[in-house]
Amino acid sequence: MGSPDFAVESLKALHQCSFIELLGVVTQPDRPKGRGLKIQPPPVKVFAEQIGIPVWQPERVAAPDFMAQMRLLSPELIVVVAFGQKIPTALLELPPLGCINVHGSLLPEYRGAAPIHRAIIDGRTVTGVTTMYLDAGWDTGDMILKRELTIAPDETVGSLHDRMALAGGGLLAQTATCIRNGNAPRIAQDHQKATYAPKLNSADGLIHWDQSALEIGNLIRGLDPWPSAFTYYGDRQLRLYCPEVIDQDVRNFPSGAIVKIDKGQGFIVSTGKGSLLIKEVQPAGKKRMSAGAFLQGYPLEQGDRFESRVP
């Protein structure tokens, strides 16, 4: 049971396990996406059809007709990876080997929908993936295995997402082997140490220039490529990418002011603490581009100021 790209690597890993018979895939219904709102299937459905696995797309997995289908299918194990729906108790209790999950954090840290984004936004240098048994709570079940990953200083959520998806697939295969051999550990989470990573939306990307350069840089990287960090230059929204913290005295400039322009590198902006070099931008309605290319058509000047506001 899974839907987005993150779950595809786990499905691939199960498909490659010789001792596993994949009975079927459950994923979200096809949805309109993109500017044209064209109906598109979830990535997991696309891969499942490529390998010839039956696919179910219920609007609600708790619906009686779907539950009846699952009882007829009688799976020994259910694997859930970024599925997008709450799993009802009746489904959790159906397979004799349980329901297991691949989660993009080192639990009990970052329970919730956006653990990969939040780890970068918070400036963490280490994260990882965890397999666990699902229970009735949100990411509260007993843990099975963990794998750590280092977060690079210039890492974006896009690159970390892809690395974690691969790591999650490998960890899932290892977990399935342990379950098959009857030696899978069951480690209770310390709920007192739990932290949460709630779902993000586009408004979370608004840059507050009175924060430090490090905090803003983490936000930009943690929202690249989606939902993107943004600011305003006059009435124009501008999405910012590829930040670099600069060791430069900017005490004579207010937060959000352009300190220096270098058409080869980008532009330096003052913050509440330190300054930030921006190397890539995306104006509203335009494609993402280098800051140098942007400056050719949008002549910024030293002292111009970005605003932290919503129009």
C-alpha atoms as a PDB file:
ATOM      1  CA  MET A   1       0.000   0.000   0.000  1.00  0.00           C
ATOM      2  CA  GLY A   2       1.662   3.194  -1.211  1.00  0.00           C
ATOM      3  CA  SER A   3       1.266   6.104  -3.598  1.00  0.00           C
ATOM      4  CA  PRO A   4       4.115   8.585  -4.338  1.00  0.00           C
ATOM      5  CA  ASP A   5       7.619   8.176  -5.740  1.00  0.00           C
ATOM      6  CA  PHE A   6       9.012   7.511  -2.261  1.00  0.00           C
ATOM      7  CA  ALA A   7       7.010   4.280  -2.103  1.00  0.00           C
ATOM      8  CA  VAL A   8       8.126   2.987  -5.513  1.00  0.00           C
ATOM      9  CA  GLU A   9      11.576   1.950  -4.285  1.00  0.00           C
ATOM     10  CA  SER A  10       9.982  -0.130  -1.538  1.00  0.00           C
ATOM     11  CA  LEU A  11       7.715  -1.843  -4.071  1.00  0.00           C
ATOM     12  CA  LYS A  12      10.756  -2.560  -6.245  1.00  0.00           C
ATOM     13  CA  ALA A  13      12.562  -4.065  -3.259  1.00  0.00           C
ATOM     14  CA  LEU A  14       9.639  -6.393  -2.498  1.00  0.00           C
ATOM     15  CA  HIS A  15       9.379  -7.382  -6.157  1.00  0.00           C
ATOM     16  CA  GLN A  16      13.037  -8.382  -6.129  1.00  0.00           C
ATOM     17  CA  CYS A  17      12.693 -10.597  -3.021  1.00  0.00           C
ATOM     18  CA  SER A  18      12.521 -14.178  -4.309  1.00  0.00           C
ATOM     19  CA  PHE A  19      10.589 -15.431  -1.268  1.00  0.00           C
ATOM     20  CA  ILE A  20       7.784 -12.843  -1.583  1.00  0.00           C
ATOM     21  CA  GLU A  21       4.640 -13.290  -3.670  1.00  0.00           C
ATOM     22  CA  LEU A  22       3.119  -9.889  -4.319  1.00  0.00           C
ATOM     23  CA  LEU A  23      -0.655 -10.367  -4.311  1.00  0.00           C
ATOM     24  CA  GLY A  24      -1.516  -6.810  -5.202  1.00  0.00           C
ATOM     25  CA  VAL A  25      -0.954  -3.092  -4.769  1.00  0.00           C
ATOM     26  CA  VAL A  26      -3.323  -0.623  -3.124  1.00  0.00           C
ATOM     27  CA  THR A  27      -2.837   3.027  -4.005  1.00  0.00           C
ATOM     28  CA  GLN A  28      -4.720   6.308  -4.155  1.00  0.00           C
ATOM     29  CA  PRO A  29      -7.168   7.028  -7.001  1.00  0.00           C
ATOM     30  CA  ASP A  30      -5.892   8.855 -10.076  1.00  0.00           C
ATOM     31  CA  ARG A  31      -5.953  12.612  -9.425  1.00  0.00           C
ATOM     32  CA  PRO A  32      -5.680  15.829 -11.492  1.00  0.00           C
ATOM     33  CA  LYS A  33      -2.186  17.281 -11.306  1.00  0.00           C
ATOM     34  CA  GLY A  34      -0.078  20.040 -12.817  1.00  0.00           C
ATOM     35  CA  ARG A  35      -1.142  23.320 -14.380  1.00  0.00           C
ATOM     36  CA  GLY A  36      -3.421  21.563 -16.836  1.00  0.00           C
ATOM     37  CA  LEU A  37      -4.998  19.461 -14.066  1.00  0.00           C
ATOM     38  CA  LYS A  38      -4.607  16.374 -16.221  1.00  0.00           C
ATOM     39  CA  ILE A  39      -5.681  13.150 -14.522  1.00  0.00           C
ATOM     40  CA  GLN A  40      -2.544  11.199 -13.578  1.00  0.00           C
ATOM     41  CA  PRO A  41      -2.009   7.875 -11.829  1.00  0.00           C
ATOM     42  CA  PRO A  42       0.091   7.570  -8.666  1.00  0.00           C
ATOM     43  CA  PRO A  43       3.710   6.521  -9.380  1.00  0.00           C
ATOM     44  CA  VAL A  44       3.176   3.265  -7.478  1.00  0.00           C
ATOM     45  CA  LYS A  45       0.334   2.322  -9.835  1.00  0.00           C
ATOM     46  CA  VAL A  46       2.531   2.992 -12.871  1.00  0.00           C
ATOM     47  CA  PHE A  47       5.266   0.664 -11.619  1.00  0.00           C
ATOM     48  CA  ALA A  48       2.809  -2.007 -10.456  1.00  0.00           C
ATOM     49  CA  GLU A  49       1.271  -2.153 -13.917  1.00  0.00           C
ATOM     50  CA  GLN A  50       4.733  -2.418 -15.468  1.00  0.00           C
ATOM     51  CA  ILE A  51       5.455  -5.561 -13.450  1.00  0.00           C
ATOM     52  CA  GLY A  52       1.969  -6.980 -13.876  1.00  0.00           C
ATOM     53  CA  ILE A  53       0.686  -6.697 -10.301  1.00  0.00           C
ATOM     54  CA  PRO A  54      -3.078  -6.162  -9.688  1.00  0.00           C
ATOM     55  CA  VAL A  55      -3.947  -2.653  -8.476  1.00  0.00           C
ATOM     56  CA  TRP A  56      -6.785  -1.419  -6.247  1.00  0.00           C
ATOM     57  CA  GLN A  57      -7.554   2.306  -5.867  1.00  0.00           C
ATOM     58  CA  PRO A  58     -10.236   2.741  -3.207  1.00  0.00           C
ATOM     59  CA  GLU A  59     -11.368   6.203  -2.168  1.00  0.00           C
ATOM     60  CA  ARG A  60     -11.582   4.771   1.362  1.00  0.00           C
ATOM     61  CA  VAL A  61      -9.764   1.644   2.479  1.00  0.00           C
ATOM     62  CA  ALA A  62     -12.318   1.305   5.271  1.00  0.00           C
ATOM     63  CA  ALA A  63     -15.142   0.859   2.736  1.00  0.00           C
ATOM     64  CA  PRO A  64     -16.938  -2.496   3.206  1.00  0.00           C
ATOM     65  CA  ASP A  65     -16.510  -3.628  -0.418  1.00  0.00           C
ATOM     66  CA  PHE A  66     -12.755  -3.037  -0.324  1.00  0.00           C
ATOM     67  CA  MET A  67     -12.401  -4.774   3.033  1.00  0.00           C
ATOM     68  CA  ALA A  68     -14.290  -7.751   1.604  1.00  0.00           C
ATOM     69  CA  GLN A  69     -11.792  -7.915  -1.282  1.00  0.00           C
ATOM     70  CA  MET A  70      -8.882  -7.878   1.133  1.00  0.00           C
ATOM     71  CA  ARG A  71     -10.376 -10.701   3.200  1.00  0.00           C
ATOM     72  CA  LEU A  72     -10.701 -12.797   0.032  1.00  0.00           C
ATOM     73  CA  LEU A  73      -7.104 -11.970  -0.889  1.00  0.00           C
ATOM     74  CA  SER A  74      -5.968 -13.068   2.596  1.00  0.00           C
ATOM     75  CA  PRO A  75      -2.450 -11.537   2.656  1.00  0.00           C
ATOM     76  CA  GLU A  76       0.074 -12.799   5.203  1.00  0.00           C
ATOM     77  CA  LEU A  77       1.729  -9.372   5.432  1.00  0.00           C
ATOM     78  CA  ILE A  78       0.742  -5.833   4.438  1.00  0.00           C
ATOM     79  CA  VAL A  79       3.419  -3.214   3.757  1.00  0.00           C
ATOM     80  CA  VAL A  80       2.418   0.454   3.940  1.00  0.00           C
ATOM     81  CA  VAL A  81       4.715   3.183   2.570  1.00  0.00           C
ATOM     82  CA  ALA A  82       3.470   6.779   2.192  1.00  0.00           C
ATOM     83  CA  PHE A  83       0.008   5.538   1.316  1.00  0.00           C
ATOM     84  CA  GLY A  84      -1.997   8.644   2.197  1.00  0.00           C
ATOM     85  CA  GLN A  85      -4.929   7.148   4.086  1.00  0.00           C
ATOM     86  CA  LYS A  86      -5.444   6.064   7.671  1.00  0.00           C
ATOM     87  CA  ILE A  87      -5.384   2.257   7.949  1.00  0.00           C
ATOM     88  CA  PRO A  88      -8.474   0.991   9.827  1.00  0.00           C
ATOM     89  CA  THR A  89      -8.109  -1.432  12.716  1.00  0.00           C
ATOM     90  CA  ALA A  90      -9.875  -4.212  10.782  1.00  0.00           C
ATOM     91  CA  LEU A  91      -7.175  -4.035   8.097  1.00  0.00           C
ATOM     92  CA  LEU A  92      -4.360  -3.812  10.638  1.00  0.00           C
ATOM     93  CA  GLU A  93      -5.598  -7.026  12.209  1.00  0.00           C
ATOM     94  CA  LEU A  94      -6.161  -8.908   8.938  1.00  0.00           C
ATOM     95  CA  PRO A  95      -2.680 -10.263   8.056  1.00  0.00           C
ATOM     96  CA  PRO A  96      -1.224 -12.818  10.507  1.00  0.00           C
ATOM     97  CA  LEU A  97       2.267 -11.296  10.188  1.00  0.00           C
ATOM     98  CA  GLY A  98       0.946  -7.782  10.731  1.00  0.00           C
ATOM     99  CA  CYS A  99       1.150  -4.488   8.857  1.00  0.00           C
ATOM    100  CA  ILE A 100       4.570  -2.893   8.588  1.00  0.00           C
ATOM    101  CA  ASN A 101       5.606   0.567   7.502  1.00  0.00           C
ATOM    102  CA  VAL A 102       8.669   2.355   6.114  1.00  0.00           C
ATOM    103  CA  HIS A 103       8.941   5.834   7.662  1.00  0.00           C
ATOM    104  CA  GLY A 104      11.350   8.582   6.600  1.00  0.00           C
ATOM    105  CA  SER A 105      12.886   9.380   9.978  1.00  0.00           C
ATOM    106  CA  LEU A 106      14.637   7.838  12.957  1.00  0.00           C
ATOM    107  CA  LEU A 107      11.565   7.283  15.087  1.00  0.00           C
ATOM    108  CA  PRO A 108      10.291   8.486  17.482  1.00  0.00           C
ATOM    109  CA  GLU A 109      11.602  11.723  15.923  1.00  0.00           C
ATOM    110  CA  TYR A 110       9.562  13.352  13.175  1.00  0.00           C
ATOM    111  CA  ARG A 111       6.362  11.383  13.240  1.00  0.00           C
ATOM    112  CA  GLY A 112       3.936  12.702  10.661  1.00  0.00           C
ATOM    113  CA  ALA A 113       3.660  13.621   6.997  1.00  0.00           C
ATOM    114  CA  ALA A 114       6.810  15.672   6.278  1.00  0.00           C
ATOM    115  CA  PRO A 115       9.779  14.135   8.147  1.00  0.00           C
ATOM    116  CA  ILE A 116      12.311  14.603   5.335  1.00  0.00           C
ATOM    117  CA  HIS A 117      11.499  18.289   4.859  1.00  0.00           C
ATOM    118  CA  ARG A 118      11.507  19.032   8.577  1.00  0.00           C
ATOM    119  CA  ALA A 119      14.868  17.399   9.223  1.00  0.00           C
ATOM    120  CA  ILE A 120      16.568  19.798   6.774  1.00  0.00           C
ATOM    121  CA  ILE A 121      14.546  22.822   7.881  1.00  0.00           C
ATOM    122  CA  ASP A 122      15.611  22.132  11.476  1.00  0.00           C
ATOM    123  CA  GLY A 123      19.267  21.975  10.460  1.00  0.00           C
ATOM    124  CA  ARG A 124      19.776  18.318  11.322  1.00  0.00           C
ATOM    125  CA  THR A 125      22.947  16.630  10.079  1.00  0.00           C
ATOM    126  CA  VAL A 126      21.721  13.038  10.505  1.00  0.00           C
ATOM    127  CA  THR A 127      18.396  11.432   9.690  1.00  0.00           C
ATOM    128  CA  GLY A 128      17.334   7.997   8.508  1.00  0.00           C
ATOM    129  CA  VAL A 129      14.572   5.498   7.847  1.00  0.00           C
ATOM    130  CA  THR A 130      12.732   3.195  10.223  1.00  0.00           C
ATOM    131  CA  THR A 131      10.626   0.115   9.647  1.00  0.00           C
ATOM    132  CA  MET A 132       7.907  -0.509  12.194  1.00  0.00           C
ATOM    133  CA  TYR A 133       4.730  -2.402  12.940  1.00  0.00           C
ATOM    134  CA  LEU A 134       1.662  -0.251  12.381  1.00  0.00           C
ATOM    135  CA  ASP A 135      -0.826   0.254  15.190  1.00  0.00           C
ATOM    136  CA  ALA A 136      -3.878   2.474  15.594  1.00  0.00           C
ATOM    137  CA  GLY A 137      -1.783   5.638  16.214  1.00  0.00           C
ATOM    138  CA  TRP A 138       0.132   7.869  13.813  1.00  0.00           C
ATOM    139  CA  ASP A 139       3.671   6.429  13.525  1.00  0.00           C
ATOM    140  CA  THR A 140       3.514   5.112  17.086  1.00  0.00           C
ATOM    141  CA  GLY A 141       4.037   1.368  16.496  1.00  0.00           C
ATOM    142  CA  ASP A 142       6.914  -0.822  17.623  1.00  0.00           C
ATOM    143  CA  MET A 143      10.119  -0.322  15.615  1.00  0.00           C
ATOM    144  CA  ILE A 144      11.870  -3.111  13.717  1.00  0.00           C
ATOM    145  CA  LEU A 145      15.032  -1.798  12.008  1.00  0.00           C
ATOM    146  CA  LYS A 146      16.701   1.586  11.435  1.00  0.00           C
ATOM    147  CA  ARG A 147      19.247   2.955   8.995  1.00  0.00           C
ATOM    148  CA  GLU A 148      21.002   6.322   9.420  1.00  0.00           C
ATOM    149  CA  LEU A 149      21.814   8.763   6.621  1.00  0.00           C
ATOM    150  CA  THR A 150      24.021  11.850   6.821  1.00  0.00           C
ATOM    151  CA  ILE A 151      22.550  15.137   5.578  1.00  0.00           C
ATOM    152  CA  ALA A 152      25.075  17.093   3.507  1.00  0.00           C
ATOM    153  CA  PRO A 153      25.431  20.865   4.164  1.00  0.00           C
ATOM    154  CA  ASP A 154      24.021  21.697   0.718  1.00  0.00           C
ATOM    155  CA  GLU A 155      21.437  18.888   0.633  1.00  0.00           C
ATOM    156  CA  THR A 156      17.960  19.650  -0.649  1.00  0.00           C
ATOM    157  CA  VAL A 157      14.831  17.775   0.287  1.00  0.00           C
ATOM    158  CA  GLY A 158      14.699  16.503  -3.296  1.00  0.00           C
ATOM    159  CA  SER A 159      18.092  14.804  -3.163  1.00  0.00           C
ATOM    160  CA  LEU A 160      17.585  13.537   0.394  1.00  0.00           C
ATOM    161  CA  HIS A 161      14.151  12.166  -0.545  1.00  0.00           C
ATOM    162  CA  ASP A 162      15.666  10.067  -3.332  1.00  0.00           C
ATOM    163  CA  ARG A 163      18.456   8.715  -1.127  1.00  0.00           C
ATOM    164  CA  MET A 164      16.025   7.884   1.652  1.00  0.00           C
ATOM    165  CA  ALA A 165      13.637   6.138  -0.738  1.00  0.00           C
ATOM    166  CA  LEU A 166      16.478   3.849  -1.833  1.00  0.00           C
ATOM    167  CA  ALA A 167      17.564   3.267   1.755  1.00  0.00           C
ATOM    168  CA  GLY A 168      13.972   2.545   2.727  1.00  0.00           C
ATOM    169  CA  GLY A 169      13.655  -0.087   0.018  1.00  0.00           C
ATOM    170  CA  GLY A 170      16.824  -1.818   1.181  1.00  0.00           C
ATOM    171  CA  LEU A 171      15.755  -1.686   4.811  1.00  0.00           C
ATOM    172  CA  LEU A 172      12.344  -3.091   3.894  1.00  0.00           C
ATOM    173  CA  ALA A 173      13.916  -6.078   2.136  1.00  0.00           C
ATOM    174  CA  GLN A 174      16.065  -6.698   5.221  1.00  0.00           C
ATOM    175  CA  THR A 175      12.996  -6.370   7.449  1.00  0.00           C
ATOM    176  CA  ALA A 176      10.983  -8.799   5.319  1.00  0.00           C
ATOM    177  CA  THR A 177      13.830 -11.311   5.593  1.00  0.00           C
ATOM    178  CA  CYS A 178      13.816 -10.987   9.385  1.00  0.00           C
ATOM    179  CA  ILE A 179      10.051 -11.499   9.504  1.00  0.00           C
ATOM    180  CA  ARG A 180      10.334 -14.550   7.256  1.00  0.00           C
ATOM    181  CA  ASN A 181      13.049 -16.009   9.506  1.00  0.00           C
ATOM    182  CA  GLY A 182      11.056 -15.246  12.652  1.00  0.00           C
ATOM    183  CA  ASN A 183      13.722 -13.020  14.205  1.00  0.00           C
ATOM    184  CA  ALA A 184      12.366  -9.523  13.533  1.00  0.00           C
ATOM    185  CA  PRO A 185      12.868  -7.354  16.636  1.00  0.00           C
ATOM    186  CA  ARG A 186      10.009  -5.425  18.224  1.00  0.00           C
ATOM    187  CA  ILE A 187      11.276  -2.278  19.931  1.00  0.00           C
ATOM    188  CA  ALA A 188       8.786  -0.007  21.689  1.00  0.00           C
ATOM    189  CA  GLN A 189       9.103   3.708  20.935  1.00  0.00           C
ATOM    190  CA  ASP A 190       9.848   6.154  23.731  1.00  0.00           C
ATOM    191  CA  HIS A 191       6.772   8.344  23.327  1.00  0.00           C
ATOM    192  CA  GLN A 192       8.245  10.980  25.651  1.00  0.00           C
ATOM    193  CA  LYS A 193      10.918  11.681  23.003  1.00  0.00           C
ATOM    194  CA  ALA A 194       8.488  11.926  20.085  1.00  0.00           C
ATOM    195  CA  THR A 195       8.610  14.948  17.785  1.00  0.00           C
ATOM    196  CA  TYR A 196       6.238  15.765  14.935  1.00  0.00           C
ATOM    197  CA  ALA A 197       6.564  16.753  11.289  1.00  0.00           C
ATOM    198  CA  PRO A 198       3.158  18.067  10.219  1.00  0.00           C
ATOM    199  CA  LYS A 199       2.089  18.309   6.599  1.00  0.00           C
ATOM    200  CA  LEU A 200       3.485  21.299   4.699  1.00  0.00           C
ATOM    201  CA  ASN A 201       1.675  23.713   2.430  1.00  0.00           C
ATOM    202  CA  SER A 202       2.826  26.520   0.166  1.00  0.00           C
ATOM    203  CA  ALA A 203       2.401  29.185   2.880  1.00  0.00           C
ATOM    204  CA  ASP A 204       5.128  27.486   4.943  1.00  0.00           C
ATOM    205  CA  GLY A 205       7.657  28.688   2.379  1.00  0.00           C
ATOM    206  CA  LEU A 206       7.391  32.405   3.242  1.00  0.00           C
ATOM    207  CA  ILE A 207      10.867  33.655   4.180  1.00  0.00           C
ATOM    208  CA  HIS A 208      11.176  35.807   7.306  1.00  0.00           C
ATOM    209  CA  TRP A 209      14.352  37.821   6.776  1.00  0.00           C
ATOM    210  CA  ASP A 210      14.750  38.650  10.460  1.00  0.00           C
ATOM    211  CA  GLN A 211      15.754  35.029  11.019  1.00  0.00           C
ATOM    212  CA  SER A 212      19.427  34.069  10.726  1.00  0.00           C
ATOM    213  CA  ALA A 213      21.076  33.267   7.404  1.00  0.00           C
ATOM    214  CA  LEU A 214      21.528  29.682   8.558  1.00  0.00           C
ATOM    215  CA  GLU A 215      17.833  29.269   9.418  1.00  0.00           C
ATOM    216  CA  ILE A 216      16.707  30.781   6.113  1.00  0.00           C
ATOM    217  CA  GLY A 217      19.191  28.672   4.175  1.00  0.00           C
ATOM    218  CA  ASN A 218      17.870  25.556   5.887  1.00  0.00           C
ATOM    219  CA  LEU A 219      14.312  26.561   4.994  1.00  0.00           C
ATOM    220  CA  ILE A 220      15.216  27.095   1.336  1.00  0.00           C
ATOM    221  CA  ARG A 221      16.986  23.724   1.104  1.00  0.00           C
ATOM    222  CA  GLY A 222      14.249  21.966   3.060  1.00  0.00           C
ATOM    223  CA  LEU A 223      11.573  23.152   0.602  1.00  0.00           C
ATOM    224  CA  ASP A 224      13.521  22.568  -2.636  1.00  0.00           C
ATOM    225  CA  PRO A 225      11.891  21.557  -4.980  1.00  0.00           C
ATOM    226  CA  TRP A 226       8.513  21.631  -3.185  1.00  0.00           C
ATOM    227  CA  PRO A 227       6.762  23.670  -1.941  1.00  0.00           C
ATOM    228  CA  SER A 228       9.664  26.164  -2.371  1.00  0.00           C
ATOM    229  CA  ALA A 229      10.722  29.076  -0.193  1.00  0.00           C
ATOM    230  CA  PHE A 230       9.648  32.487  -1.446  1.00  0.00           C
ATOM    231  CA  THR A 231       9.841  36.209  -0.831  1.00  0.00           C
ATOM    232  CA  TYR A 232       8.462  39.378  -2.417  1.00  0.00           C
ATOM    233  CA  TYR A 233      10.203  42.083  -4.412  1.00  0.00           C
ATOM    234  CA  GLY A 234       7.571  44.780  -4.712  1.00  0.00           C
ATOM    235  CA  ASP A 235       4.438  42.978  -5.895  1.00  0.00           C
ATOM    236  CA  ARG A 236       6.433  40.170  -7.516  1.00  0.00           C
ATOM    237  CA  GLN A 237       6.784  36.788  -5.820  1.00  0.00           C
ATOM    238  CA  LEU A 238      10.239  35.244  -6.143  1.00  0.00           C
ATOM    239  CA  ARG A 239      11.154  31.673  -5.219  1.00  0.00           C
ATOM    240  CA  LEU A 240      14.712  31.234  -3.992  1.00  0.00           C
ATOM    241  CA  TYR A 241      17.066  28.254  -4.317  1.00  0.00           C
ATOM    242  CA  CYS A 242      20.695  27.228  -3.785  1.00  0.00           C
ATOM    243  CA  PRO A 243      21.564  29.339  -0.720  1.00  0.00           C
ATOM    244  CA  GLU A 244      25.034  29.766   0.732  1.00  0.00           C
ATOM    245  CA  VAL A 245      25.700  31.357   4.115  1.00  0.00           C
ATOM    246  CA  ILE A 246      28.247  34.156   3.732  1.00  0.00           C
ATOM    247  CA  ASP A 247      30.591  35.404   6.450  1.00  0.00           C
ATOM    248  CA  GLN A 248      30.121  39.117   5.820  1.00  0.00           C
ATOM    249  CA  ASP A 249      29.382  42.099   8.051  1.00  0.00           C
ATOM    250  CA  VAL A 250      25.913  43.368   7.121  1.00  0.00           C
ATOM    251  CA  ARG A 251      25.145  45.506  10.172  1.00  0.00           C
ATOM    252  CA  ASN A 252      24.598  48.570   7.972  1.00  0.00           C
ATOM    253  CA  PHE A 253      21.781  46.848   6.056  1.00  0.00           C
ATOM    254  CA  PRO A 254      18.275  46.011   7.297  1.00  0.00           C
ATOM    255  CA  SER A 255      17.066  42.432   7.093  1.00  0.00           C
ATOM    256  CA  GLY A 256      16.052  41.466   3.571  1.00  0.00           C
ATOM    257  CA  ALA A 257      18.199  44.121   1.893  1.00  0.00           C
ATOM    258  CA  ILE A 258      20.436  43.311  -1.063  1.00  0.00           C
ATOM    259  CA  VAL A 259      24.019  43.763   0.121  1.00  0.00           C
ATOM    260  CA  LYS A 260      25.903  42.905  -3.039  1.00  0.00           C
ATOM    261  CA  ILE A 261      25.198  41.809  -6.611  1.00  0.00           C
ATOM    262  CA  ASP A 262      27.511  39.480  -8.504  1.00  0.00           C
ATOM    263  CA  LYS A 263      26.069  38.495 -11.891  1.00  0.00           C
ATOM    264  CA  GLY A 264      28.380  35.494 -12.007  1.00  0.00           C
ATOM    265  CA  GLN A 265      27.365  34.157  -8.574  1.00  0.00           C
ATOM    266  CA  GLY A 266      24.056  35.744  -7.611  1.00  0.00           C
ATOM    267  CA  PHE A 267      23.037  38.280  -5.007  1.00  0.00           C
ATOM    268  CA  ILE A 268      23.746  38.533  -1.281  1.00  0.00           C
ATOM    269  CA  VAL A 269      20.877  39.371   1.087  1.00  0.00           C
ATOM    270  CA  SER A 270      21.155  40.541   4.694  1.00  0.00           C
ATOM    271  CA  THR A 271      19.318  38.618   7.404  1.00  0.00           C
ATOM    272  CA  GLY A 272      18.725  38.906  11.122  1.00  0.00           C
ATOM    273  CA  LYS A 273      22.144  37.310  11.602  1.00  0.00           C
ATOM    274  CA  GLY A 274      24.639  37.123   8.756  1.00  0.00           C
ATOM    275  CA  SER A 275      23.975  37.172   5.030  1.00  0.00           C
ATOM    276  CA  LEU A 276      22.892  34.724   2.376  1.00  0.00           C
ATOM    277  CA  LEU A 277      24.061  34.264  -1.208  1.00  0.00           C
ATOM    278  CA  ILE A 278      21.200  33.209  -3.506  1.00  0.00           C
ATOM    279  CA  LYS A 279      22.342  31.352  -6.628  1.00  0.00           C
ATOM    280  CA  GLU A 280      19.057  30.327  -8.268  1.00  0.00           C
ATOM    281  CA  VAL A 281      15.615  31.899  -8.467  1.00  0.00           C
ATOM    282  CA  GLN A 282      12.209  31.401 -10.043  1.00  0.00           C
ATOM    283  CA  PRO A 283      10.059  34.461 -10.773  1.00  0.00           C
ATOM    284  CA  ALA A 284       6.289  33.955 -10.712  1.00  0.00           C
ATOM    285  CA  GLY A 285       5.125  32.355 -13.945  1.00  0.00           C
ATOM    286  CA  LYS A 286       8.678  31.643 -15.131  1.00  0.00           C
ATOM    287  CA  LYS A 287      11.046  28.687 -15.075  1.00  0.00           C
ATOM    288  CA  ARG A 288      13.737  28.209 -12.466  1.00  0.00           C
ATOM    289  CA  MET A 289      16.979  29.890 -13.529  1.00  0.00           C
ATOM    290  CA  SER A 290      20.406  30.968 -12.316  1.00  0.00           C
ATOM    291  CA  ALA A 291      20.502  34.214 -10.379  1.00  0.00           C
ATOM    292  CA  GLY A 292      22.814  35.572 -13.082  1.00  0.00           C
ATOM    293  CA  ALA A 293      20.217  34.930 -15.788  1.00  0.00           C
ATOM    294  CA  PHE A 294      17.546  36.506 -13.597  1.00  0.00           C
ATOM    295  CA  LEU A 295      19.627  39.636 -13.067  1.00  0.00           C
ATOM    296  CA  GLN A 296      19.886  40.184 -16.825  1.00  0.00           C
ATOM    297  CA  GLY A 297      16.146  40.733 -17.055  1.00  0.00           C
ATOM    298  CA  TYR A 298      15.408  42.013 -13.544  1.00  0.00           C
ATOM    299  CA  PRO A 299      18.063  44.597 -12.609  1.00  0.00           C
ATOM    300  CA  LEU A 300      18.241  44.547  -8.815  1.00  0.00           C
ATOM    301  CA  GLU A 301      20.345  47.135  -7.033  1.00  0.00           C
ATOM    302  CA  GLN A 302      22.247  47.255  -3.786  1.00  0.00           C
ATOM    303  CA  GLY A 303      19.901  48.417  -1.043  1.00  0.00           C
ATOM    304  CA  ASP A 304      16.766  47.034  -2.667  1.00  0.00           C
ATOM    305  CA  ARG A 305      14.787  45.061  -0.138  1.00  0.00           C
ATOM    306  CA  PHE A 306      12.845  41.805  -0.157  1.00  0.00           C
ATOM    307  CA  GLU A 307       9.697  41.686   1.942  1.00  0.00           C
ATOM    308  CA  SER A 308       8.333  39.027   4.283  1.00  0.00           C
ATOM    309  CA  ARG A 309       4.662  39.415   3.582  1.00  0.00           C
ATOM    310  CA  VAL A 310       1.693  37.815   1.920  1.00  0.00           C
ATOM    311  CA  PRO A 311      -0.077  40.184  -0.510  1.00  0.00           C
END
